[in-house]
PDB file of N, CA and C in Angstrom:
ATOM      1  N   MET A   1     118.974  71.519 128.509  1.00  0.00           N
ATOM      2  CA  MET A   1     118.107  70.649 129.291  1.00  0.00           C
ATOM      3  C   MET A   1     117.921  71.284 130.674  1.00  0.00           C
ATOM      4  N   PRO A   2     116.684  71.365 131.178  1.00  0.00           N
ATOM      5  CA  PRO A   2     116.451  71.962 132.500  1.00  0.00           C
ATOM      6  C   PRO A   2     117.135  71.177 133.608  1.00  0.00           C
ATOM      7  N   ALA A   3     117.482  71.885 134.639  1.00  0.00           N
ATOM      8  CA  ALA A   3     118.164  71.261 135.775  1.00  0.00           C
ATOM      9  C   ALA A   3     117.218  70.358 136.545  1.00  0.00           C
ATOM     10  N   SER A   4     117.778  69.359 137.179  1.00  0.00           N
ATOM     11  CA  SER A   4     116.958  68.533 138.054  1.00  0.00           C
ATOM     12  C   SER A   4     116.678  69.333 139.319  1.00  0.00           C
ATOM     13  N   LYS A   5     115.689  68.895 140.060  1.00  0.00           N
ATOM     14  CA  LYS A   5     115.300  69.640 141.255  1.00  0.00           C
ATOM     15  C   LYS A   5     116.451  69.775 142.245  1.00  0.00           C
ATOM     16  N   SER A   6     117.306  68.772 142.346  1.00  0.00           N
ATOM     17  CA  SER A   6     118.380  68.808 143.330  1.00  0.00           C
ATOM     18  C   SER A   6     119.507  69.762 142.943  1.00  0.00           C
ATOM     19  N   THR A   7     119.630  70.097 141.654  1.00  0.00           N
ATOM     20  CA  THR A   7     120.704  70.986 141.228  1.00  0.00           C
ATOM     21  C   THR A   7     120.175  72.312 140.697  1.00  0.00           C
ATOM     22  N   ASP A   8     118.917  72.589 140.912  1.00  0.00           N
ATOM     23  CA  ASP A   8     118.308  73.813 140.414  1.00  0.00           C
ATOM     24  C   ASP A   8     118.942  75.016 141.116  1.00  0.00           C
ATOM     25  N   PRO A   9     119.587  75.912 140.367  1.00  0.00           N
ATOM     26  CA  PRO A   9     120.302  77.023 140.992  1.00  0.00           C
ATOM     27  C   PRO A   9     119.399  78.054 141.677  1.00  0.00           C
ATOM     28  N   CYS A  10     118.110  78.051 141.393  1.00  0.00           N
ATOM     29  CA  CYS A  10     117.194  79.037 141.984  1.00  0.00           C
ATOM     30  C   CYS A  10     116.214  78.428 142.991  1.00  0.00           C
ATOM     31  N   LYS A  11     116.342  77.128 143.238  1.00  0.00           N
ATOM     32  CA  LYS A  11     115.391  76.458 144.117  1.00  0.00           C
ATOM     33  C   LYS A  11     115.403  77.030 145.533  1.00  0.00           C
ATOM     34  N   LYS A  12     116.568  77.342 146.064  1.00  0.00           N
ATOM     35  CA  LYS A  12     116.659  77.873 147.420  1.00  0.00           C
ATOM     36  C   LYS A  12     115.859  79.171 147.544  1.00  0.00           C
ATOM     37  N   LEU A  13     115.974  80.043 146.547  1.00  0.00           N
ATOM     38  CA  LEU A  13     115.225  81.302 146.574  1.00  0.00           C
ATOM     39  C   LEU A  13     113.723  81.063 146.433  1.00  0.00           C
ATOM     40  N   ALA A  14     113.346  80.096 145.611  1.00  0.00           N
ATOM     41  CA  ALA A  14     111.925  79.773 145.461  1.00  0.00           C
ATOM     42  C   ALA A  14     111.344  79.320 146.801  1.00  0.00           C
ATOM     43  N   CYS A  15     112.096  78.532 147.527  1.00  0.00           N
ATOM     44  CA  CYS A  15     111.651  78.083 148.856  1.00  0.00           C
ATOM     45  C   CYS A  15     111.579  79.254 149.837  1.00  0.00           C
ATOM     46  N   GLN A  16     112.532  80.180 149.726  1.00  0.00           N
ATOM     47  CA  GLN A  16     112.514  81.352 150.599  1.00  0.00           C
ATOM     48  C   GLN A  16     111.291  82.222 150.308  1.00  0.00           C
ATOM     49  N   ILE A  17     110.903  82.332 149.047  1.00  0.00           N
ATOM     50  CA  ILE A  17     109.705  83.095 148.696  1.00  0.00           C
ATOM     51  C   ILE A  17     108.478  82.440 149.306  1.00  0.00           C
ATOM     52  N   GLN A  18     108.366  81.138 149.180  1.00  0.00           N
ATOM     53  CA  GLN A  18     107.218  80.425 149.746  1.00  0.00           C
ATOM     54  C   GLN A  18     107.131  80.637 151.250  1.00  0.00           C
ATOM     55  N   ALA A  19     108.247  80.518 151.926  1.00  0.00           N
ATOM     56  CA  ALA A  19     108.267  80.692 153.383  1.00  0.00           C
ATOM     57  C   ALA A  19     107.898  82.126 153.764  1.00  0.00           C
ATOM     58  N   CYS A  20     108.457  83.085 153.042  1.00  0.00           N
ATOM     59  CA  CYS A  20     108.175  84.492 153.328  1.00  0.00           C
ATOM     60  C   CYS A  20     106.689  84.788 153.134  1.00  0.00           C
ATOM     61  N   LEU A  21     106.130  84.320 152.040  1.00  0.00           N
ATOM     62  CA  LEU A  21     104.715  84.566 151.779  1.00  0.00           C
ATOM     63  C   LEU A  21     103.830  83.940 152.857  1.00  0.00           C
ATOM     64  N   GLN A  22     104.169  82.743 153.279  1.00  0.00           N
ATOM     65  CA  GLN A  22     103.395  82.090 154.335  1.00  0.00           C
ATOM     66  C   GLN A  22     103.488  82.872 155.644  1.00  0.00           C
ATOM     67  N   GLU A  23     104.689  83.325 155.972  1.00  0.00           N
ATOM     68  CA  GLU A  23     104.900  84.068 157.222  1.00  0.00           C
ATOM     69  C   GLU A  23     104.203  85.425 157.204  1.00  0.00           C
ATOM     70  N   ASN A  24     103.999  85.981 156.021  1.00  0.00           N
ATOM     71  CA  ASN A  24     103.435  87.324 155.890  1.00  0.00           C
ATOM     72  C   ASN A  24     102.031  87.328 155.287  1.00  0.00           C
ATOM     73  N   ARG A  25     101.331  86.240 155.467  1.00  0.00           N
ATOM     74  CA  ARG A  25      99.945  86.118 154.995  1.00  0.00           C
ATOM     75  C   ARG A  25      99.786  86.496 153.524  1.00  0.00           C
ATOM     76  N   TYR A  26     100.735  86.049 152.729  1.00  0.00           N
ATOM     77  CA  TYR A  26     100.715  86.196 151.277  1.00  0.00           C
ATOM     78  C   TYR A  26     100.669  87.651 150.808  1.00  0.00           C
ATOM     79  N   GLN A  27     101.327  88.527 151.545  1.00  0.00           N
ATOM     80  CA  GLN A  27     101.474  89.926 151.144  1.00  0.00           C
ATOM     81  C   GLN A  27     102.798  90.062 150.389  1.00  0.00           C
ATOM     82  N   GLU A  28     102.703  90.088 149.069  1.00  0.00           N
ATOM     83  CA  GLU A  28     103.901  90.104 148.237  1.00  0.00           C
ATOM     84  C   GLU A  28     104.835  91.265 148.555  1.00  0.00           C
ATOM     85  N   ALA A  29     104.293  92.404 148.902  1.00  0.00           N
ATOM     86  CA  ALA A  29     105.119  93.582 149.177  1.00  0.00           C
ATOM     87  C   ALA A  29     106.121  93.317 150.298  1.00  0.00           C
ATOM     88  N   LYS A  30     105.755  92.465 151.239  1.00  0.00           N
ATOM     89  CA  LYS A  30     106.651  92.163 152.354  1.00  0.00           C
ATOM     90  C   LYS A  30     107.763  91.193 151.960  1.00  0.00           C
ATOM     91  N   CYS A  31     107.651  90.614 150.797  1.00  0.00           N
ATOM     92  CA  CYS A  31     108.642  89.645 150.324  1.00  0.00           C
ATOM     93  C   CYS A  31     109.361  90.134 149.068  1.00  0.00           C
ATOM     94  N   GLN A  32     109.222  91.411 148.769  1.00  0.00           N
ATOM     95  CA  GLN A  32     109.762  91.942 147.515  1.00  0.00           C
ATOM     96  C   GLN A  32     111.268  91.738 147.379  1.00  0.00           C
ATOM     97  N   GLU A  33     112.000  91.835 148.473  1.00  0.00           N
ATOM     98  CA  GLU A  33     113.456  91.670 148.397  1.00  0.00           C
ATOM     99  C   GLU A  33     113.837  90.282 147.885  1.00  0.00           C
ATOM    100  N   VAL A  34     113.227  89.258 148.440  1.00  0.00           N
ATOM    101  CA  VAL A  34     113.551  87.892 148.005  1.00  0.00           C
ATOM    102  C   VAL A  34     112.981  87.620 146.614  1.00  0.00           C
ATOM    103  N   ILE A  35     111.861  88.229 146.262  1.00  0.00           N
ATOM    104  CA  ILE A  35     111.318  88.099 144.908  1.00  0.00           C
ATOM    105  C   ILE A  35     112.294  88.711 143.903  1.00  0.00           C
ATOM    106  N   ASN A  36     112.849  89.872 144.229  1.00  0.00           N
ATOM    107  CA  ASN A  36     113.833  90.501 143.348  1.00  0.00           C
ATOM    108  C   ASN A  36     115.076  89.633 143.178  1.00  0.00           C
ATOM    109  N   LEU A  37     115.511  88.989 144.254  1.00  0.00           N
ATOM    110  CA  LEU A  37     116.657  88.073 144.157  1.00  0.00           C
ATOM    111  C   LEU A  37     116.334  86.890 143.248  1.00  0.00           C
ATOM    112  N   MET A  38     115.100  86.411 143.340  1.00  0.00           N
ATOM    113  CA  MET A  38     114.669  85.302 142.485  1.00  0.00           C
ATOM    114  C   MET A  38     114.672  85.736 141.022  1.00  0.00           C
ATOM    115  N   LEU A  39     114.187  86.935 140.743  1.00  0.00           N
ATOM    116  CA  LEU A  39     114.188  87.431 139.368  1.00  0.00           C
ATOM    117  C   LEU A  39     115.607  87.524 138.817  1.00  0.00           C
ATOM    118  N   LYS A  40     116.533  87.986 139.639  1.00  0.00           N
ATOM    119  CA  LYS A  40     117.933  88.069 139.203  1.00  0.00           C
ATOM    120  C   LYS A  40     118.493  86.674 138.927  1.00  0.00           C
ATOM    121  N   CYS A  41     118.132  85.727 139.784  1.00  0.00           N
ATOM    122  CA  CYS A  41     118.586  84.348 139.580  1.00  0.00           C
ATOM    123  C   CYS A  41     118.016  83.799 138.270  1.00  0.00           C
ATOM    124  N   CYS A  42     116.738  84.073 138.032  1.00  0.00           N
ATOM    125  CA  CYS A  42     116.100  83.577 136.807  1.00  0.00           C
ATOM    126  C   CYS A  42     116.667  84.253 135.565  1.00  0.00           C
ATOM    127  N   GLU A  43     117.024  85.520 135.670  1.00  0.00           N
ATOM    128  CA  GLU A  43     117.647  86.198 134.533  1.00  0.00           C
ATOM    129  C   GLU A  43     118.982  85.548 134.195  1.00  0.00           C
ATOM    130  N   LYS A  44     119.669  85.067 135.222  1.00  0.00           N
ATOM    131  CA  LYS A  44     120.975  84.445 135.017  1.00  0.00           C
ATOM    132  C   LYS A  44     120.864  82.966 134.633  1.00  0.00           C
ATOM    133  N   TYR A  45     119.964  82.235 135.299  1.00  0.00           N
ATOM    134  CA  TYR A  45     119.900  80.779 135.137  1.00  0.00           C
ATOM    135  C   TYR A  45     118.566  80.272 134.598  1.00  0.00           C
ATOM    136  N   GLY A  46     117.727  81.144 134.070  1.00  0.00           N
ATOM    137  CA  GLY A  46     116.373  80.765 133.670  1.00  0.00           C
ATOM    138  C   GLY A  46     116.264  79.463 132.899  1.00  0.00           C
ATOM    139  N   ALA A  47     117.129  79.270 131.934  1.00  0.00           N
ATOM    140  CA  ALA A  47     117.073  78.062 131.116  1.00  0.00           C
ATOM    141  C   ALA A  47     117.496  76.823 131.895  1.00  0.00           C
ATOM    142  N   LYS A  48     118.186  77.009 133.017  1.00  0.00           N
ATOM    143  CA  LYS A  48     118.678  75.884 133.812  1.00  0.00           C
ATOM    144  C   LYS A  48     117.864  75.665 135.078  1.00  0.00           C
ATOM    145  N   SER A  49     116.825  76.462 135.282  1.00  0.00           N
ATOM    146  CA  SER A  49     116.066  76.384 136.520  1.00  0.00           C
ATOM    147  C   SER A  49     114.588  76.101 136.263  1.00  0.00           C
ATOM    148  N   ASN A  50     114.129  74.978 136.776  1.00  0.00           N
ATOM    149  CA  ASN A  50     112.699  74.659 136.673  1.00  0.00           C
ATOM    150  C   ASN A  50     111.866  75.623 137.501  1.00  0.00           C
ATOM    151  N   CYS A  51     112.445  76.175 138.544  1.00  0.00           N
ATOM    152  CA  CYS A  51     111.728  77.097 139.427  1.00  0.00           C
ATOM    153  C   CYS A  51     111.378  78.411 138.742  1.00  0.00           C
ATOM    154  N   CYS A  52     112.049  78.727 137.673  1.00  0.00           N
ATOM    155  CA  CYS A  52     111.832  80.012 137.001  1.00  0.00           C
ATOM    156  C   CYS A  52     110.642  79.997 136.046  1.00  0.00           C
ATOM    157  N   ASP A  53     110.068  78.846 135.797  1.00  0.00           N
ATOM    158  CA  ASP A  53     108.943  78.769 134.871  1.00  0.00           C
ATOM    159  C   ASP A  53     107.827  79.734 135.248  1.00  0.00           C
ATOM    160  N   GLY A  54     107.534  79.881 136.525  1.00  0.00           N
ATOM    161  CA  GLY A  54     106.463  80.762 136.969  1.00  0.00           C
ATOM    162  C   GLY A  54     106.819  82.232 136.956  1.00  0.00           C
ATOM    163  N   PHE A  55     108.067  82.557 136.655  1.00  0.00           N
ATOM    164  CA  PHE A  55     108.522  83.941 136.656  1.00  0.00           C
ATOM    165  C   PHE A  55     108.745  84.491 135.248  1.00  0.00           C
ATOM    166  N   LYS A  56     108.454  83.697 134.234  1.00  0.00           N
ATOM    167  CA  LYS A  56     108.711  84.104 132.854  1.00  0.00           C
ATOM    168  C   LYS A  56     108.041  85.422 132.495  1.00  0.00           C
ATOM    169  N   ASP A  57     106.852  85.657 133.007  1.00  0.00           N
ATOM    170  CA  ASP A  57     106.120  86.863 132.633  1.00  0.00           C
ATOM    171  C   ASP A  57     106.539  88.082 133.444  1.00  0.00           C
ATOM    172  N   MET A  58     107.484  87.946 134.357  1.00  0.00           N
ATOM    173  CA  MET A  58     107.879  89.060 135.211  1.00  0.00           C
ATOM    174  C   MET A  58     109.030  89.875 134.625  1.00  0.00           C
ATOM    175  N   TRP A  59     109.603  89.434 133.548  1.00  0.00           N
ATOM    176  CA  TRP A  59     110.595  90.247 132.848  1.00  0.00           C
ATOM    177  C   TRP A  59     110.363  90.072 131.355  1.00  0.00           C
ATOM    178  N   LYS A  60     110.855  91.005 130.583  1.00  0.00           N
ATOM    179  CA  LYS A  60     110.520  91.074 129.156  1.00  0.00           C
ATOM    180  C   LYS A  60     111.108  89.939 128.336  1.00  0.00           C
ATOM    181  N   GLU A  61     112.340  89.595 128.569  1.00  0.00           N
ATOM    182  CA  GLU A  61     112.979  88.569 127.752  1.00  0.00           C
ATOM    183  C   GLU A  61     113.495  87.444 128.635  1.00  0.00           C
ATOM    184  N   PHE A  62     112.738  86.372 128.718  1.00  0.00           N
ATOM    185  CA  PHE A  62     113.165  85.191 129.474  1.00  0.00           C
ATOM    186  C   PHE A  62     114.303  84.526 128.716  1.00  0.00           C
ATOM    187  N   PRO A  63     115.446  84.292 129.381  1.00  0.00           N
ATOM    188  CA  PRO A  63     116.573  83.674 128.683  1.00  0.00           C
ATOM    189  C   PRO A  63     116.226  82.275 128.187  1.00  0.00           C
ATOM    190  N   LYS A  64     116.390  82.032 126.908  1.00  0.00           N
ATOM    191  CA  LYS A  64     116.084  80.723 126.344  1.00  0.00           C
ATOM    192  C   LYS A  64     117.260  79.775 126.477  1.00  0.00           C
ATOM    193  N   THR A  65     118.461  80.324 126.479  1.00  0.00           N
ATOM    194  CA  THR A  65     119.657  79.512 126.672  1.00  0.00           C
ATOM    195  C   THR A  65     120.609  80.299 127.556  1.00  0.00           C
ATOM    196  N   ASN A  66     121.513  79.609 128.152  1.00  0.00           N
ATOM    197  CA  ASN A  66     122.531  80.270 128.983  1.00  0.00           C
ATOM    198  C   ASN A  66     123.873  80.005 128.331  1.00  0.00           C
ATOM    199  N   SER A  67     124.402  81.004 127.659  1.00  0.00           N
ATOM    200  CA  SER A  67     125.657  80.818 126.931  1.00  0.00           C
ATOM    201  C   SER A  67     126.871  81.048 127.792  1.00  0.00           C
ATOM    202  N   GLN A  68     126.696  81.408 129.057  1.00  0.00           N
ATOM    203  CA  GLN A  68     127.839  81.687 129.921  1.00  0.00           C
ATOM    204  C   GLN A  68     128.192  80.500 130.746  1.00  0.00           C
TER     205      GLN A  68
END
């Protein structure tokens, strides 16, 4: 079951991406570090994070379950 918004393990990074993009006039290259951190979070917690839905196409195998 997906995590609620208050317990989403990747929500903080998603907010950091939004803030970075706003501060940098939506130039993704300037926010690549935080985007990479978000991808790592989604690789680890994808099935438990609602925030990762928009990142599914950024890596080859989106985790369907988290067995750890």
